[in-house]
Amino acid sequence: MRKFKEKKKKEKFVDDGRVIADMDNEYITGYKSKEHRKNVEALREAQLSREERRAIYRGALGQVMPIFGIFIFSIIAAILFLYFVWMR
């Protein structure tokens, strides 16, 4: 029969709350700056109703959609222009 070595017992890690190095890094994927996290927390504390949040989203989309529409229109216009110029 083979004899097995007894496993060494690991000490249980206890977090004492010390910070060795700030691990916030702007170049890590998914990084949120301290300022951004503070703003998000302030919005959560505001406890907006569902209708208020929807109004905020609609307002933001209302500002972005005209720019997006102009961008799409200009791409389509350029494609059509090049299509008709090269077909002649």
PDB file of N, CA and C in Angstrom:
ATOM      1  N   MET A   1       0.817  -1.193   0.000  1.00  0.00           N
ATOM      2  CA  MET A   1       0.000   0.000   0.000  1.00  0.00           C
ATOM      3  C   MET A   1       0.861   1.258   0.000  1.00  0.00           C
ATOM      4  N   ARG A   2       0.325   2.270  -0.682  1.00  0.00           N
ATOM      5  CA  ARG A   2       1.043   3.539  -0.742  1.00  0.00           C
ATOM      6  C   ARG A   2       0.642   4.417   0.427  1.00  0.00           C
ATOM      7  N   LYS A   3       1.612   5.095   0.938  1.00  0.00           N
ATOM      8  CA  LYS A   3       1.326   6.035   2.021  1.00  0.00           C
ATOM      9  C   LYS A   3       1.259   7.438   1.428  1.00  0.00           C
ATOM     10  N   PHE A   4       0.236   8.145   1.798  1.00  0.00           N
ATOM     11  CA  PHE A   4       0.046   9.509   1.305  1.00  0.00           C
ATOM     12  C   PHE A   4       0.592  10.503   2.307  1.00  0.00           C
ATOM     13  N   LYS A   5       1.169  11.575   1.764  1.00  0.00           N
ATOM     14  CA  LYS A   5       1.634  12.641   2.619  1.00  0.00           C
ATOM     15  C   LYS A   5       0.432  13.420   3.130  1.00  0.00           C
ATOM     16  N   GLU A   6       0.527  13.865   4.313  1.00  0.00           N
ATOM     17  CA  GLU A   6      -0.558  14.689   4.841  1.00  0.00           C
ATOM     18  C   GLU A   6      -0.480  16.073   4.208  1.00  0.00           C
ATOM     19  N   LYS A   7      -1.633  16.621   3.869  1.00  0.00           N
ATOM     20  CA  LYS A   7      -1.678  17.947   3.262  1.00  0.00           C
ATOM     21  C   LYS A   7      -1.370  19.003   4.309  1.00  0.00           C
ATOM     22  N   LYS A   8      -0.637  20.002   3.870  1.00  0.00           N
ATOM     23  CA  LYS A   8      -0.355  21.122   4.757  1.00  0.00           C
ATOM     24  C   LYS A   8      -1.637  21.938   4.910  1.00  0.00           C
ATOM     25  N   LYS A   9      -1.922  22.316   6.104  1.00  0.00           N
ATOM     26  CA  LYS A   9      -3.111  23.128   6.342  1.00  0.00           C
ATOM     27  C   LYS A   9      -2.793  24.579   6.002  1.00  0.00           C
ATOM     28  N   LYS A  10      -3.651  25.155   5.179  1.00  0.00           N
ATOM     29  CA  LYS A  10      -3.482  26.558   4.816  1.00  0.00           C
ATOM     30  C   LYS A  10      -4.137  27.426   5.875  1.00  0.00           C
ATOM     31  N   GLU A  11      -3.497  28.539   6.113  1.00  0.00           N
ATOM     32  CA  GLU A  11      -4.092  29.486   7.042  1.00  0.00           C
ATOM     33  C   GLU A  11      -5.257  30.177   6.346  1.00  0.00           C
ATOM     34  N   LYS A  12      -6.332  30.361   7.057  1.00  0.00           N
ATOM     35  CA  LYS A  12      -7.496  31.025   6.485  1.00  0.00           C
ATOM     36  C   LYS A  12      -7.188  32.518   6.351  1.00  0.00           C
ATOM     37  N   PHE A  13      -7.446  33.071   5.156  1.00  0.00           N
ATOM     38  CA  PHE A  13      -7.161  34.475   4.887  1.00  0.00           C
ATOM     39  C   PHE A  13      -8.212  35.347   5.559  1.00  0.00           C
ATOM     40  N   VAL A  14      -7.752  36.343   6.273  1.00  0.00           N
ATOM     41  CA  VAL A  14      -8.646  37.292   6.923  1.00  0.00           C
ATOM     42  C   VAL A  14      -8.311  38.679   6.384  1.00  0.00           C
ATOM     43  N   ASP A  15      -9.308  39.319   5.769  1.00  0.00           N
ATOM     44  CA  ASP A  15      -9.111  40.647   5.203  1.00  0.00           C
ATOM     45  C   ASP A  15      -9.150  41.676   6.321  1.00  0.00           C
ATOM     46  N   ASP A  16      -8.071  42.413   6.486  1.00  0.00           N
ATOM     47  CA  ASP A  16      -8.020  43.410   7.549  1.00  0.00           C
ATOM     48  C   ASP A  16      -8.345  44.817   7.045  1.00  0.00           C
ATOM     49  N   GLY A  17      -8.666  44.948   5.746  1.00  0.00           N
ATOM     50  CA  GLY A  17      -9.114  46.226   5.200  1.00  0.00           C
ATOM     51  C   GLY A  17      -8.009  47.151   4.744  1.00  0.00           C
ATOM     52  N   ARG A  18      -6.762  46.742   4.819  1.00  0.00           N
ATOM     53  CA  ARG A  18      -5.666  47.599   4.364  1.00  0.00           C
ATOM     54  C   ARG A  18      -5.655  47.666   2.843  1.00  0.00           C
ATOM     55  N   VAL A  19      -5.240  48.809   2.307  1.00  0.00           N
ATOM     56  CA  VAL A  19      -5.098  48.983   0.874  1.00  0.00           C
ATOM     57  C   VAL A  19      -3.618  49.123   0.569  1.00  0.00           C
ATOM     58  N   ILE A  20      -3.085  48.176  -0.182  1.00  0.00           N
ATOM     59  CA  ILE A  20      -1.677  48.223  -0.538  1.00  0.00           C
ATOM     60  C   ILE A  20      -1.482  49.158  -1.725  1.00  0.00           C
ATOM     61  N   ALA A  21      -2.335  49.017  -2.736  1.00  0.00           N
ATOM     62  CA  ALA A  21      -2.247  49.861  -3.924  1.00  0.00           C
ATOM     63  C   ALA A  21      -3.654  50.071  -4.469  1.00  0.00           C
ATOM     64  N   ASP A  22      -3.924  51.274  -4.942  1.00  0.00           N
ATOM     65  CA  ASP A  22      -5.208  51.579  -5.563  1.00  0.00           C
ATOM     66  C   ASP A  22      -5.260  50.857  -6.904  1.00  0.00           C
ATOM     67  N   MET A  23      -6.219  49.957  -7.077  1.00  0.00           N
ATOM     68  CA  MET A  23      -6.286  49.133  -8.274  1.00  0.00           C
ATOM     69  C   MET A  23      -7.156  49.759  -9.369  1.00  0.00           C
ATOM     70  N   ASP A  24      -7.588  51.002  -9.190  1.00  0.00           N
ATOM     71  CA  ASP A  24      -8.331  51.684 -10.243  1.00  0.00           C
ATOM     72  C   ASP A  24      -7.370  52.023 -11.370  1.00  0.00           C
ATOM     73  N   ASN A  25      -7.730  51.621 -12.574  1.00  0.00           N
ATOM     74  CA  ASN A  25      -6.889  51.893 -13.723  1.00  0.00           C
ATOM     75  C   ASN A  25      -7.786  52.258 -14.885  1.00  0.00           C
ATOM     76  N   GLU A  26      -7.515  53.364 -15.529  1.00  0.00           N
ATOM     77  CA  GLU A  26      -8.357  53.841 -16.620  1.00  0.00           C
ATOM     78  C   GLU A  26      -8.312  52.945 -17.835  1.00  0.00           C
ATOM     79  N   TYR A  27      -7.281  52.112 -17.965  1.00  0.00           N
ATOM     80  CA  TYR A  27      -7.117  51.324 -19.173  1.00  0.00           C
ATOM     81  C   TYR A  27      -7.647  49.906 -19.035  1.00  0.00           C
ATOM     82  N   ILE A  28      -8.214  49.556 -17.898  1.00  0.00           N
ATOM     83  CA  ILE A  28      -8.797  48.232 -17.711  1.00  0.00           C
ATOM     84  C   ILE A  28     -10.197  48.258 -18.319  1.00  0.00           C
ATOM     85  N   THR A  29     -10.560  47.197 -19.028  1.00  0.00           N
ATOM     86  CA  THR A  29     -11.885  47.115 -19.636  1.00  0.00           C
ATOM     87  C   THR A  29     -12.949  47.171 -18.542  1.00  0.00           C
ATOM     88  N   GLY A  30     -13.950  47.972 -18.760  1.00  0.00           N
ATOM     89  CA  GLY A  30     -15.023  48.092 -17.785  1.00  0.00           C
ATOM     90  C   GLY A  30     -14.715  49.082 -16.681  1.00  0.00           C
ATOM     91  N   TYR A  31     -13.656  49.849 -16.825  1.00  0.00           N
ATOM     92  CA  TYR A  31     -13.266  50.803 -15.791  1.00  0.00           C
ATOM     93  C   TYR A  31     -14.284  51.923 -15.695  1.00  0.00           C
ATOM     94  N   LYS A  32     -14.667  52.236 -14.499  1.00  0.00           N
ATOM     95  CA  LYS A  32     -15.515  53.390 -14.232  1.00  0.00           C
ATOM     96  C   LYS A  32     -14.742  54.299 -13.281  1.00  0.00           C
ATOM     97  N   SER A  33     -14.566  55.541 -13.667  1.00  0.00           N
ATOM     98  CA  SER A  33     -13.803  56.463 -12.835  1.00  0.00           C
ATOM     99  C   SER A  33     -14.551  56.736 -11.528  1.00  0.00           C
ATOM    100  N   LYS A  34     -13.825  57.258 -10.564  1.00  0.00           N
ATOM    101  CA  LYS A  34     -14.445  57.569  -9.272  1.00  0.00           C
ATOM    102  C   LYS A  34     -15.541  58.607  -9.445  1.00  0.00           C
ATOM    103  N   GLU A  35     -15.316  59.563 -10.343  1.00  0.00           N
ATOM    104  CA  GLU A  35     -16.325  60.595 -10.594  1.00  0.00           C
ATOM    105  C   GLU A  35     -17.585  59.992 -11.197  1.00  0.00           C
ATOM    106  N   HIS A  36     -17.417  59.070 -12.151  1.00  0.00           N
ATOM    107  CA  HIS A  36     -18.571  58.424 -12.781  1.00  0.00           C
ATOM    108  C   HIS A  36     -19.343  57.598 -11.747  1.00  0.00           C
ATOM    109  N   ARG A  37     -18.624  56.846 -10.916  1.00  0.00           N
ATOM    110  CA  ARG A  37     -19.297  56.048  -9.887  1.00  0.00           C
ATOM    111  C   ARG A  37     -20.041  56.940  -8.903  1.00  0.00           C
ATOM    112  N   LYS A  38     -19.458  58.116  -8.597  1.00  0.00           N
ATOM    113  CA  LYS A  38     -20.113  59.060  -7.693  1.00  0.00           C
ATOM    114  C   LYS A  38     -21.402  59.590  -8.318  1.00  0.00           C
ATOM    115  N   ASN A  39     -21.376  59.899  -9.628  1.00  0.00           N
ATOM    116  CA  ASN A  39     -22.571  60.387 -10.318  1.00  0.00           C
ATOM    117  C   ASN A  39     -23.656  59.324 -10.367  1.00  0.00           C
ATOM    118  N   VAL A  40     -23.276  58.082 -10.628  1.00  0.00           N
ATOM    119  CA  VAL A  40     -24.251  56.991 -10.679  1.00  0.00           C
ATOM    120  C   VAL A  40     -24.883  56.795  -9.305  1.00  0.00           C
ATOM    121  N   GLU A  41     -24.064  56.860  -8.272  1.00  0.00           N
ATOM    122  CA  GLU A  41     -24.585  56.707  -6.914  1.00  0.00           C
ATOM    123  C   GLU A  41     -25.552  57.832  -6.565  1.00  0.00           C
ATOM    124  N   ALA A  42     -25.258  59.049  -7.024  1.00  0.00           N
ATOM    125  CA  ALA A  42     -26.154  60.174  -6.770  1.00  0.00           C
ATOM    126  C   ALA A  42     -27.490  59.970  -7.470  1.00  0.00           C
ATOM    127  N   LEU A  43     -27.461  59.413  -8.687  1.00  0.00           N
ATOM    128  CA  LEU A  43     -28.717  59.130  -9.387  1.00  0.00           C
ATOM    129  C   LEU A  43     -29.519  58.047  -8.677  1.00  0.00           C
ATOM    130  N   ARG A  44     -28.831  57.052  -8.145  1.00  0.00           N
ATOM    131  CA  ARG A  44     -29.540  55.994  -7.408  1.00  0.00           C
ATOM    132  C   ARG A  44     -30.195  56.540  -6.145  1.00  0.00           C
ATOM    133  N   GLU A  45     -29.493  57.463  -5.482  1.00  0.00           N
ATOM    134  CA  GLU A  45     -30.043  58.040  -4.261  1.00  0.00           C
ATOM    135  C   GLU A  45     -31.245  58.935  -4.546  1.00  0.00           C
ATOM    136  N   ALA A  46     -31.345  59.465  -5.770  1.00  0.00           N
ATOM    137  CA  ALA A  46     -32.456  60.345  -6.133  1.00  0.00           C
ATOM    138  C   ALA A  46     -33.774  59.583  -6.169  1.00  0.00           C
ATOM    139  N   GLN A  47     -33.724  58.263  -6.328  1.00  0.00           N
ATOM    140  CA  GLN A  47     -34.910  57.399  -6.356  1.00  0.00           C
ATOM    141  C   GLN A  47     -35.967  57.923  -7.323  1.00  0.00           C
ATOM    142  N   LEU A  48     -35.600  57.990  -8.595  1.00  0.00           N
ATOM    143  CA  LEU A  48     -36.513  58.458  -9.624  1.00  0.00           C
ATOM    144  C   LEU A  48     -37.561  57.396  -9.918  1.00  0.00           C
ATOM    145  N   SER A  49     -38.749  57.849 -10.268  1.00  0.00           N
ATOM    146  CA  SER A  49     -39.805  56.902 -10.636  1.00  0.00           C
ATOM    147  C   SER A  49     -39.551  56.380 -12.044  1.00  0.00           C
ATOM    148  N   ARG A  50     -40.282  55.365 -12.442  1.00  0.00           N
ATOM    149  CA  ARG A  50     -40.123  54.771 -13.767  1.00  0.00           C
ATOM    150  C   ARG A  50     -40.412  55.803 -14.857  1.00  0.00           C
ATOM    151  N   GLU A  51     -41.432  56.621 -14.667  1.00  0.00           N
ATOM    152  CA  GLU A  51     -41.779  57.631 -15.667  1.00  0.00           C
ATOM    153  C   GLU A  51     -40.682  58.689 -15.788  1.00  0.00           C
ATOM    154  N   GLU A  52     -40.092  59.070 -14.675  1.00  0.00           N
ATOM    155  CA  GLU A  52     -39.019  60.064 -14.714  1.00  0.00           C
ATOM    156  C   GLU A  52     -37.788  59.521 -15.437  1.00  0.00           C
ATOM    157  N   ARG A  53     -37.444  58.244 -15.158  1.00  0.00           N
ATOM    158  CA  ARG A  53     -36.304  57.640 -15.848  1.00  0.00           C
ATOM    159  C   ARG A  53     -36.570  57.544 -17.348  1.00  0.00           C
ATOM    160  N   ARG A  54     -37.784  57.162 -17.720  1.00  0.00           N
ATOM    161  CA  ARG A  54     -38.122  57.080 -19.149  1.00  0.00           C
ATOM    162  C   ARG A  54     -38.045  58.440 -19.809  1.00  0.00           C
ATOM    163  N   ALA A  55     -38.463  59.483 -19.107  1.00  0.00           N
ATOM    164  CA  ALA A  55     -38.390  60.836 -19.652  1.00  0.00           C
ATOM    165  C   ALA A  55     -36.928  61.245 -19.874  1.00  0.00           C
ATOM    166  N   ILE A  56     -36.055  60.861 -18.971  1.00  0.00           N
ATOM    167  CA  ILE A  56     -34.626  61.162 -19.127  1.00  0.00           C
ATOM    168  C   ILE A  56     -34.081  60.453 -20.351  1.00  0.00           C
ATOM    169  N   TYR A  57     -34.412  59.162 -20.511  1.00  0.00           N
ATOM    170  CA  TYR A  57     -33.935  58.400 -21.664  1.00  0.00           C
ATOM    171  C   TYR A  57     -34.477  58.973 -22.973  1.00  0.00           C
ATOM    172  N   ARG A  58     -35.761  59.343 -22.989  1.00  0.00           N
ATOM    173  CA  ARG A  58     -36.344  59.929 -24.196  1.00  0.00           C
ATOM    174  C   ARG A  58     -35.675  61.248 -24.548  1.00  0.00           C
ATOM    175  N   GLY A  59     -35.373  62.060 -23.547  1.00  0.00           N
ATOM    176  CA  GLY A  59     -34.696  63.328 -23.786  1.00  0.00           C
ATOM    177  C   GLY A  59     -33.297  63.122 -24.363  1.00  0.00           C
ATOM    178  N   ALA A  60     -32.587  62.128 -23.822  1.00  0.00           N
ATOM    179  CA  ALA A  60     -31.236  61.840 -24.332  1.00  0.00           C
ATOM    180  C   ALA A  60     -31.310  61.344 -25.769  1.00  0.00           C
ATOM    181  N   LEU A  61     -32.249  60.446 -26.062  1.00  0.00           N
ATOM    182  CA  LEU A  61     -32.407  59.959 -27.433  1.00  0.00           C
ATOM    183  C   LEU A  61     -32.843  61.077 -28.369  1.00  0.00           C
ATOM    184  N   GLY A  62     -33.668  61.985 -27.870  1.00  0.00           N
ATOM    185  CA  GLY A  62     -34.101  63.121 -28.680  1.00  0.00           C
ATOM    186  C   GLY A  62     -32.940  64.015 -29.087  1.00  0.00           C
ATOM    187  N   GLN A  63     -31.908  64.067 -28.270  1.00  0.00           N
ATOM    188  CA  GLN A  63     -30.733  64.858 -28.601  1.00  0.00           C
ATOM    189  C   GLN A  63     -29.810  64.128 -29.578  1.00  0.00           C
ATOM    190  N   VAL A  64     -29.737  62.800 -29.492  1.00  0.00           N
ATOM    191  CA  VAL A  64     -28.791  62.024 -30.282  1.00  0.00           C
ATOM    192  C   VAL A  64     -29.355  61.624 -31.649  1.00  0.00           C
ATOM    193  N   MET A  65     -30.629  61.347 -31.737  1.00  0.00           N
ATOM    194  CA  MET A  65     -31.213  60.807 -32.968  1.00  0.00           C
ATOM    195  C   MET A  65     -31.083  61.738 -34.176  1.00  0.00           C
ATOM    196  N   PRO A  66     -31.262  63.048 -34.057  1.00  0.00           N
ATOM    197  CA  PRO A  66     -31.065  63.892 -35.249  1.00  0.00           C
ATOM    198  C   PRO A  66     -29.641  63.796 -35.810  1.00  0.00           C
ATOM    199  N   ILE A  67     -28.652  63.758 -34.942  1.00  0.00           N
ATOM    200  CA  ILE A  67     -27.265  63.632 -35.395  1.00  0.00           C
ATOM    201  C   ILE A  67     -27.065  62.283 -36.080  1.00  0.00           C
ATOM    202  N   PHE A  68     -27.601  61.223 -35.468  1.00  0.00           N
ATOM    203  CA  PHE A  68     -27.494  59.891 -36.051  1.00  0.00           C
ATOM    204  C   PHE A  68     -28.204  59.835 -37.400  1.00  0.00           C
ATOM    205  N   GLY A  69     -29.374  60.473 -37.516  1.00  0.00           N
ATOM    206  CA  GLY A  69     -30.113  60.502 -38.773  1.00  0.00           C
ATOM    207  C   GLY A  69     -29.337  61.216 -39.877  1.00  0.00           C
ATOM    208  N   ILE A  70     -28.721  62.327 -39.543  1.00  0.00           N
ATOM    209  CA  ILE A  70     -27.917  63.063 -40.523  1.00  0.00           C
ATOM    210  C   ILE A  70     -26.732  62.207 -40.971  1.00  0.00           C
ATOM    211  N   PHE A  71     -26.099  61.511 -40.047  1.00  0.00           N
ATOM    212  CA  PHE A  71     -24.978  60.638 -40.367  1.00  0.00           C
ATOM    213  C   PHE A  71     -25.403  59.537 -41.340  1.00  0.00           C
ATOM    214  N   ILE A  72     -26.502  58.849 -41.053  1.00  0.00           N
ATOM    215  CA  ILE A  72     -27.001  57.775 -41.930  1.00  0.00           C
ATOM    216  C   ILE A  72     -27.393  58.349 -43.286  1.00  0.00           C
ATOM    217  N   PHE A  73     -28.088  59.485 -43.301  1.00  0.00           N
ATOM    218  CA  PHE A  73     -28.498  60.106 -44.553  1.00  0.00           C
ATOM    219  C   PHE A  73     -27.291  60.459 -45.414  1.00  0.00           C
ATOM    220  N   SER A  74     -26.236  60.996 -44.798  1.00  0.00           N
ATOM    221  CA  SER A  74     -25.052  61.381 -45.573  1.00  0.00           C
ATOM    222  C   SER A  74     -24.352  60.156 -46.153  1.00  0.00           C
ATOM    223  N   ILE A  75     -24.319  59.050 -45.428  1.00  0.00           N
ATOM    224  CA  ILE A  75     -23.713  57.823 -45.960  1.00  0.00           C
ATOM    225  C   ILE A  75     -24.522  57.303 -47.148  1.00  0.00           C
ATOM    226  N   ILE A  76     -25.842  57.289 -47.013  1.00  0.00           N
ATOM    227  CA  ILE A  76     -26.696  56.822 -48.112  1.00  0.00           C
ATOM    228  C   ILE A  76     -26.557  57.743 -49.322  1.00  0.00           C
ATOM    229  N   ALA A  77     -26.512  59.053 -49.087  1.00  0.00           N
ATOM    230  CA  ALA A  77     -26.352  60.006 -50.191  1.00  0.00           C
ATOM    231  C   ALA A  77     -25.013  59.801 -50.895  1.00  0.00           C
ATOM    232  N   ALA A  78     -23.942  59.563 -50.139  1.00  0.00           N
ATOM    233  CA  ALA A  78     -22.628  59.334 -50.750  1.00  0.00           C
ATOM    234  C   ALA A  78     -22.629  58.053 -51.570  1.00  0.00           C
ATOM    235  N   ILE A  79     -23.251  57.002 -51.071  1.00  0.00           N
ATOM    236  CA  ILE A  79     -23.313  55.734 -51.813  1.00  0.00           C
ATOM    237  C   ILE A  79     -24.101  55.918 -53.105  1.00  0.00           C
ATOM    238  N   LEU A  80     -25.241  56.590 -53.029  1.00  0.00           N
ATOM    239  CA  LEU A  80     -26.046  56.815 -54.222  1.00  0.00           C
ATOM    240  C   LEU A  80     -25.306  57.693 -55.230  1.00  0.00           C
ATOM    241  N   PHE A  81     -24.629  58.725 -54.748  1.00  0.00           N
ATOM    242  CA  PHE A  81     -23.859  59.593 -55.634  1.00  0.00           C
ATOM    243  C   PHE A  81     -22.770  58.806 -56.362  1.00  0.00           C
ATOM    244  N   LEU A  82     -22.017  58.013 -55.627  1.00  0.00           N
ATOM    245  CA  LEU A  82     -20.946  57.225 -56.240  1.00  0.00           C
ATOM    246  C   LEU A  82     -21.517  56.169 -57.200  1.00  0.00           C
ATOM    247  N   TYR A  83     -22.650  55.599 -56.842  1.00  0.00           N
ATOM    248  CA  TYR A  83     -23.280  54.596 -57.710  1.00  0.00           C
ATOM    249  C   TYR A  83     -23.657  55.211 -59.060  1.00  0.00           C
ATOM    250  N   PHE A  84     -24.313  56.388 -59.035  1.00  0.00           N
ATOM    251  CA  PHE A  84     -24.753  57.003 -60.283  1.00  0.00           C
ATOM    252  C   PHE A  84     -23.613  57.634 -61.064  1.00  0.00           C
ATOM    253  N   VAL A  85     -22.562  58.071 -60.402  1.00  0.00           N
ATOM    254  CA  VAL A  85     -21.416  58.651 -61.096  1.00  0.00           C
ATOM    255  C   VAL A  85     -20.636  57.553 -61.811  1.00  0.00           C
ATOM    256  N   TRP A  86     -20.424  56.419 -61.180  1.00  0.00           N
ATOM    257  CA  TRP A  86     -19.659  55.338 -61.782  1.00  0.00           C
ATOM    258  C   TRP A  86     -20.442  54.540 -62.830  1.00  0.00           C
ATOM    259  N   MET A  87     -21.750  54.605 -62.794  1.00  0.00           N
ATOM    260  CA  MET A  87     -22.562  53.853 -63.737  1.00  0.00           C
ATOM    261  C   MET A  87     -22.649  54.568 -65.090  1.00  0.00           C
ATOM    262  N   ARG A  88     -22.268  55.807 -65.197  1.00  0.00           N
ATOM    263  CA  ARG A  88     -22.364  56.545 -66.459  1.00  0.00           C
ATOM    264  C   ARG A  88     -21.181  56.338 -67.305  1.00  0.00           C
TER     265      ARG A  88
END
